[in-house]
Amino acid sequence: MPGLDWLTARPVAHRGLHDRTIGIVENTAAAFSAAITAQYAIECDLQIAADGEAMVFHDDTLDRLTERHGPLASLSASELKKVALKASTDRIMTLGELCDLVAGRVTLVLEMKSRFDGDSRLAARVAEVVMGYAGPIAAMSFDPTVVGALQAVAPGLPRGLVAQSAPDPGVRSGSRDRYVANAFQARPHFLAWSVRELPGFWPLLGRWGFGLPLLTWTVRGEPDRLRAGRWADQMIFEGFRP
């Protein structure tokens, strides 16, 4: 897809510019506001709620970050928005609320989480919510089936494949051959690859062979930063300010 320079123009804050030592929790309004102030792009995670809403949250379960337990997908959006986060006054956001907060001021990179079970509801909801969003925005997933579903419902929305070689996410969804076939069918516009696997055959084939912009995750210090600068177009970082 032409015209993706905006995707790699600025370092991407992983789950926002978060720092729990000062009360800024990942994937919250405070973390996103901090990234906006620093003019970093934002990466965030999306999960599907029981009522089909796209929620900004990384884990499948609520246990690590909230005062509740159990799977996020068992609760509706309205119920999830009432759940208290540990060490924060923020609440779990919907994708729509995130879009309203960012309002095109920095680039948004949405990672659609998946259980590799063929569920395409999250891709459909993402496409619905971001339709008409005026700012720079892209979506990606480890699951090529989800990326393909996004292609079907929102072909004009830049889409990416998140990947690493080991453990291969394709193993969770079936054979390696099926994973590769689905990845090609999804026709990603960019790649997001583990920094620990750079340089590597597949990410560099995508970058140099197919001309796909290459993001790399998760850059957490100087060795990672140097590797990212050598082999990728931009980094997804946390724990420091590049």
Protein backbone atom coordinates (compact mmCIF):
# COMPACT_ATOMS: atom_id res chain seq x y z
CA MET A 1 0.00 0.00 0.00
CA PRO A 2 1.54 3.36 -0.99
CA GLY A 3 1.75 6.27 1.38
CA LEU A 4 2.61 4.51 4.66
CA ASP A 5 5.45 6.85 5.64
CA TRP A 6 3.34 8.07 8.58
CA LEU A 7 3.37 4.55 10.03
CA THR A 8 7.14 4.60 10.56
CA ALA A 9 7.69 8.32 11.07
CA ARG A 10 7.80 8.21 14.89
CA PRO A 11 8.68 5.58 17.53
CA VAL A 12 5.61 3.67 18.69
CA ALA A 13 4.82 3.55 22.41
CA HIS A 14 3.93 -0.03 23.34
CA ARG A 15 0.52 0.02 25.05
CA GLY A 16 0.97 3.77 25.38
CA LEU A 17 3.68 5.57 27.32
CA HIS A 18 3.07 3.69 30.56
CA ASP A 19 4.97 3.62 33.84
CA ARG A 20 3.32 1.88 36.79
CA THR A 21 5.82 3.44 39.22
CA ILE A 22 4.07 6.77 38.68
CA GLY A 23 0.56 5.33 38.34
CA ILE A 24 0.35 5.20 34.54
CA VAL A 25 -0.92 1.73 33.61
CA GLU A 26 -0.62 0.19 30.15
CA ASN A 27 -3.48 0.64 27.66
CA THR A 28 -5.14 3.43 29.65
CA ALA A 29 -6.14 7.00 28.92
CA ALA A 30 -3.19 8.21 31.03
CA ALA A 31 -0.70 6.15 29.01
CA PHE A 32 -2.15 7.32 25.72
CA SER A 33 -2.24 10.95 26.82
CA ALA A 34 1.42 10.73 27.85
CA ALA A 35 2.32 9.36 24.41
CA ILE A 36 0.38 12.14 22.71
CA THR A 37 2.17 14.79 24.79
CA ALA A 38 5.53 13.29 23.80
CA GLN A 39 4.40 12.97 20.17
CA TYR A 40 4.94 9.23 19.96
CA ALA A 41 2.74 6.95 17.92
CA ILE A 42 0.57 4.60 19.99
CA GLU A 43 0.28 0.82 19.90
CA CYS A 44 -2.58 -0.72 21.84
CA ASP A 45 -4.32 -4.06 22.25
CA LEU A 46 -7.94 -4.92 21.53
CA GLN A 47 -10.10 -7.69 22.94
CA ILE A 48 -13.71 -8.57 22.16
CA ALA A 49 -16.29 -8.13 24.95
CA ALA A 50 -19.31 -10.38 25.49
CA ASP A 51 -21.54 -7.96 23.59
CA GLY A 52 -19.16 -7.64 20.63
CA GLU A 53 -17.57 -4.32 21.61
CA ALA A 54 -13.85 -3.76 21.01
CA MET A 55 -12.14 -3.10 24.34
CA VAL A 56 -8.62 -1.70 24.86
CA PHE A 57 -6.93 -4.39 26.93
CA HIS A 58 -4.06 -6.84 26.42
CA ASP A 59 -4.79 -9.97 28.44
CA ASP A 60 -7.50 -12.57 27.85
CA THR A 61 -8.22 -12.47 31.58
CA LEU A 62 -8.73 -9.60 34.00
CA ASP A 63 -6.55 -11.03 36.77
CA ARG A 64 -3.19 -9.29 36.21
CA LEU A 65 -4.32 -5.67 35.90
CA THR A 66 -7.71 -5.39 37.58
CA GLU A 67 -9.56 -6.13 40.78
CA ARG A 68 -11.69 -8.72 38.97
CA HIS A 69 -10.88 -12.25 37.88
CA GLY A 70 -11.84 -14.37 34.92
CA PRO A 71 -12.03 -13.91 31.16
CA LEU A 72 -12.60 -10.44 29.75
CA ALA A 73 -14.87 -11.91 27.08
CA SER A 74 -17.40 -12.99 29.71
CA LEU A 75 -18.40 -9.37 30.47
CA SER A 76 -20.13 -6.70 28.38
CA ALA A 77 -18.56 -3.36 27.56
CA SER A 78 -20.66 -1.58 30.19
CA GLU A 79 -19.59 -4.10 32.83
CA LEU A 80 -15.92 -3.88 31.85
CA LYS A 81 -15.93 -0.09 32.06
CA LYS A 82 -16.87 -0.41 35.74
CA VAL A 83 -13.97 -2.73 36.57
CA ALA A 84 -11.30 -1.03 38.71
CA LEU A 85 -7.72 -1.25 37.51
CA LYS A 86 -4.98 -1.90 40.05
CA ALA A 87 -2.92 1.17 40.95
CA SER A 88 -4.89 3.47 38.65
CA THR A 89 -8.01 5.60 38.59
CA ASP A 90 -8.47 4.84 34.88
CA ARG A 91 -10.95 2.32 33.56
CA ILE A 92 -10.92 -0.04 30.60
CA MET A 93 -11.71 1.91 27.43
CA THR A 94 -13.63 1.05 24.31
CA LEU A 95 -11.97 1.53 20.94
CA GLY A 96 -14.39 4.36 20.23
CA GLU A 97 -13.31 6.17 23.38
CA LEU A 98 -9.68 5.73 22.40
CA CYS A 99 -10.33 7.22 18.97
CA ASP A 100 -12.09 10.17 20.58
CA LEU A 101 -9.15 10.71 22.93
CA VAL A 102 -6.45 10.55 20.27
CA ALA A 103 -8.48 12.43 17.66
CA GLY A 104 -5.85 12.09 14.95
CA ARG A 105 -3.06 13.79 16.91
CA VAL A 106 -0.68 10.82 16.61
CA THR A 107 -0.64 7.53 14.73
CA LEU A 108 -2.68 4.66 16.17
CA VAL A 109 -1.61 1.04 15.68
CA LEU A 110 -4.28 -1.39 16.88
CA GLU A 111 -3.33 -4.97 17.70
CA MET A 112 -6.35 -7.26 17.44
CA LYS A 113 -5.93 -10.16 19.87
CA SER A 114 -7.07 -13.62 18.84
CA ARG A 115 -7.52 -17.12 20.20
CA PHE A 116 -6.96 -18.54 16.69
CA ASP A 117 -10.46 -19.96 16.62
CA GLY A 118 -11.80 -18.32 13.46
CA ASP A 119 -13.71 -15.62 15.32
CA SER A 120 -13.88 -12.53 13.08
CA ARG A 121 -16.11 -10.36 15.28
CA LEU A 122 -13.25 -8.15 16.48
CA ALA A 123 -12.09 -7.36 12.95
CA ALA A 124 -15.65 -6.46 11.98
CA ARG A 125 -16.09 -4.20 15.00
CA VAL A 126 -12.74 -2.48 14.43
CA ALA A 127 -13.74 -1.73 10.84
CA GLU A 128 -17.08 -0.33 12.01
CA VAL A 129 -15.62 1.88 14.74
CA VAL A 130 -12.77 3.40 12.72
CA MET A 131 -14.86 4.05 9.63
CA GLY A 132 -14.58 7.77 9.06
CA TYR A 133 -11.76 8.23 11.60
CA ALA A 134 -9.74 11.13 10.25
CA GLY A 135 -6.33 10.39 11.77
CA PRO A 136 -3.53 8.01 10.80
CA ILE A 137 -4.54 4.50 11.89
CA ALA A 138 -3.61 0.89 11.16
CA ALA A 139 -4.58 -2.51 12.56
CA MET A 140 -2.63 -5.74 12.92
CA SER A 141 -2.81 -9.21 14.45
CA PHE A 142 -0.76 -12.33 15.08
CA ASP A 143 -3.63 -14.25 13.49
CA PRO A 144 -3.59 -14.04 9.67
CA THR A 145 -7.22 -15.14 9.62
CA VAL A 146 -8.15 -11.99 11.55
CA VAL A 147 -6.02 -9.87 9.18
CA GLY A 148 -7.82 -11.50 6.27
CA ALA A 149 -11.19 -10.78 7.86
CA LEU A 150 -10.19 -7.13 8.18
CA GLN A 151 -9.22 -7.10 4.51
CA ALA A 152 -12.69 -8.32 3.58
CA VAL A 153 -14.60 -5.70 5.58
CA ALA A 154 -12.20 -2.73 5.40
CA PRO A 155 -9.85 -3.15 2.41
CA GLY A 156 -8.70 0.46 2.63
CA LEU A 157 -7.58 0.23 6.27
CA PRO A 158 -3.81 -0.43 6.50
CA ARG A 159 -3.34 -3.90 7.98
CA GLY A 160 -0.32 -5.71 9.33
CA LEU A 161 0.80 -9.14 10.41
CA VAL A 162 2.51 -9.47 13.81
CA ALA A 163 4.93 -12.38 13.85
CA GLN A 164 7.72 -14.25 15.48
CA SER A 165 9.28 -17.56 14.54
CA ALA A 166 9.30 -19.32 17.91
CA PRO A 167 6.87 -20.08 19.32
CA ASP A 168 5.20 -19.87 15.93
CA PRO A 169 1.63 -18.55 16.36
CA GLY A 170 0.66 -20.70 13.40
CA VAL A 171 1.18 -23.79 15.55
CA ARG A 172 -1.76 -22.71 17.69
CA SER A 173 -4.06 -22.38 14.69
CA GLY A 174 -2.99 -25.43 12.74
CA SER A 175 -0.13 -26.42 10.50
CA ARG A 176 2.71 -24.13 9.45
CA ASP A 177 1.59 -24.52 5.82
CA ARG A 178 -1.91 -23.31 6.69
CA TYR A 179 -0.50 -20.35 8.61
CA VAL A 180 1.73 -19.30 5.70
CA ALA A 181 -1.15 -19.71 3.24
CA ASN A 182 -3.42 -17.55 5.39
CA ALA A 183 -0.68 -14.95 5.78
CA PHE A 184 -0.31 -14.59 2.02
CA GLN A 185 -4.08 -14.47 1.52
CA ALA A 186 -4.37 -11.70 4.10
CA ARG A 187 -2.05 -9.54 1.95
CA PRO A 188 -0.63 -7.44 4.82
CA HIS A 189 0.55 -3.92 4.10
CA PHE A 190 3.24 -4.08 6.82
CA LEU A 191 4.92 -6.45 9.26
CA ALA A 192 5.60 -6.20 13.00
CA TRP A 193 8.32 -8.66 14.04
CA SER A 194 10.05 -9.56 17.29
CA VAL A 195 13.24 -7.54 17.71
CA ARG A 196 14.98 -10.59 19.17
CA GLU A 197 14.67 -12.33 15.81
CA LEU A 198 16.31 -9.58 13.77
CA PRO A 199 17.97 -10.02 11.42
CA GLY A 200 15.95 -12.96 10.14
CA PHE A 201 14.99 -14.43 6.80
CA TRP A 202 11.23 -13.85 6.92
CA PRO A 203 11.11 -10.27 8.25
CA LEU A 204 13.86 -9.16 5.87
CA LEU A 205 12.22 -10.94 2.95
CA GLY A 206 9.08 -8.97 3.73
CA ARG A 207 10.95 -5.70 4.09
CA TRP A 208 13.42 -5.96 1.22
CA GLY A 209 11.80 -8.56 -1.01
CA PHE A 210 8.19 -7.34 -0.87
CA GLY A 211 8.77 -3.73 0.19
CA LEU A 212 6.65 -4.00 3.36
CA PRO A 213 7.37 -1.51 6.14
CA LEU A 214 8.82 -3.38 9.12
CA LEU A 215 8.01 -2.46 12.71
CA THR A 216 9.80 -4.35 15.48
CA TRP A 217 8.72 -5.13 19.06
CA THR A 218 9.27 -4.86 21.94
CA VAL A 219 12.33 -2.62 22.16
CA ARG A 220 13.29 -2.22 25.81
CA GLY A 221 16.83 -0.90 25.89
CA GLU A 222 19.96 0.07 24.02
CA PRO A 223 20.85 -3.33 22.49
CA ASP A 224 17.30 -3.70 21.17
CA ARG A 225 17.30 -0.10 19.95
CA LEU A 226 20.50 -0.61 17.97
CA ARG A 227 19.16 -3.81 16.41
CA ALA A 228 15.90 -2.10 15.53
CA GLY A 229 17.72 0.83 13.95
CA ARG A 230 19.80 -1.51 11.80
CA TRP A 231 17.13 -3.92 10.58
CA ALA A 232 13.67 -2.32 10.89
CA ASP A 233 11.89 0.83 9.76
CA GLN A 234 10.61 1.74 13.21
CA MET A 235 10.42 0.38 16.75
CA ILE A 236 7.61 -0.37 19.16
CA PHE A 237 9.18 0.45 22.52
CA GLU A 238 8.57 0.54 26.26
CA GLY A 239 10.48 1.27 29.45
CA PHE A 240 12.49 4.21 28.09
CA ARG A 241 12.13 7.23 25.81
CA PRO A 242 13.96 6.98 22.49
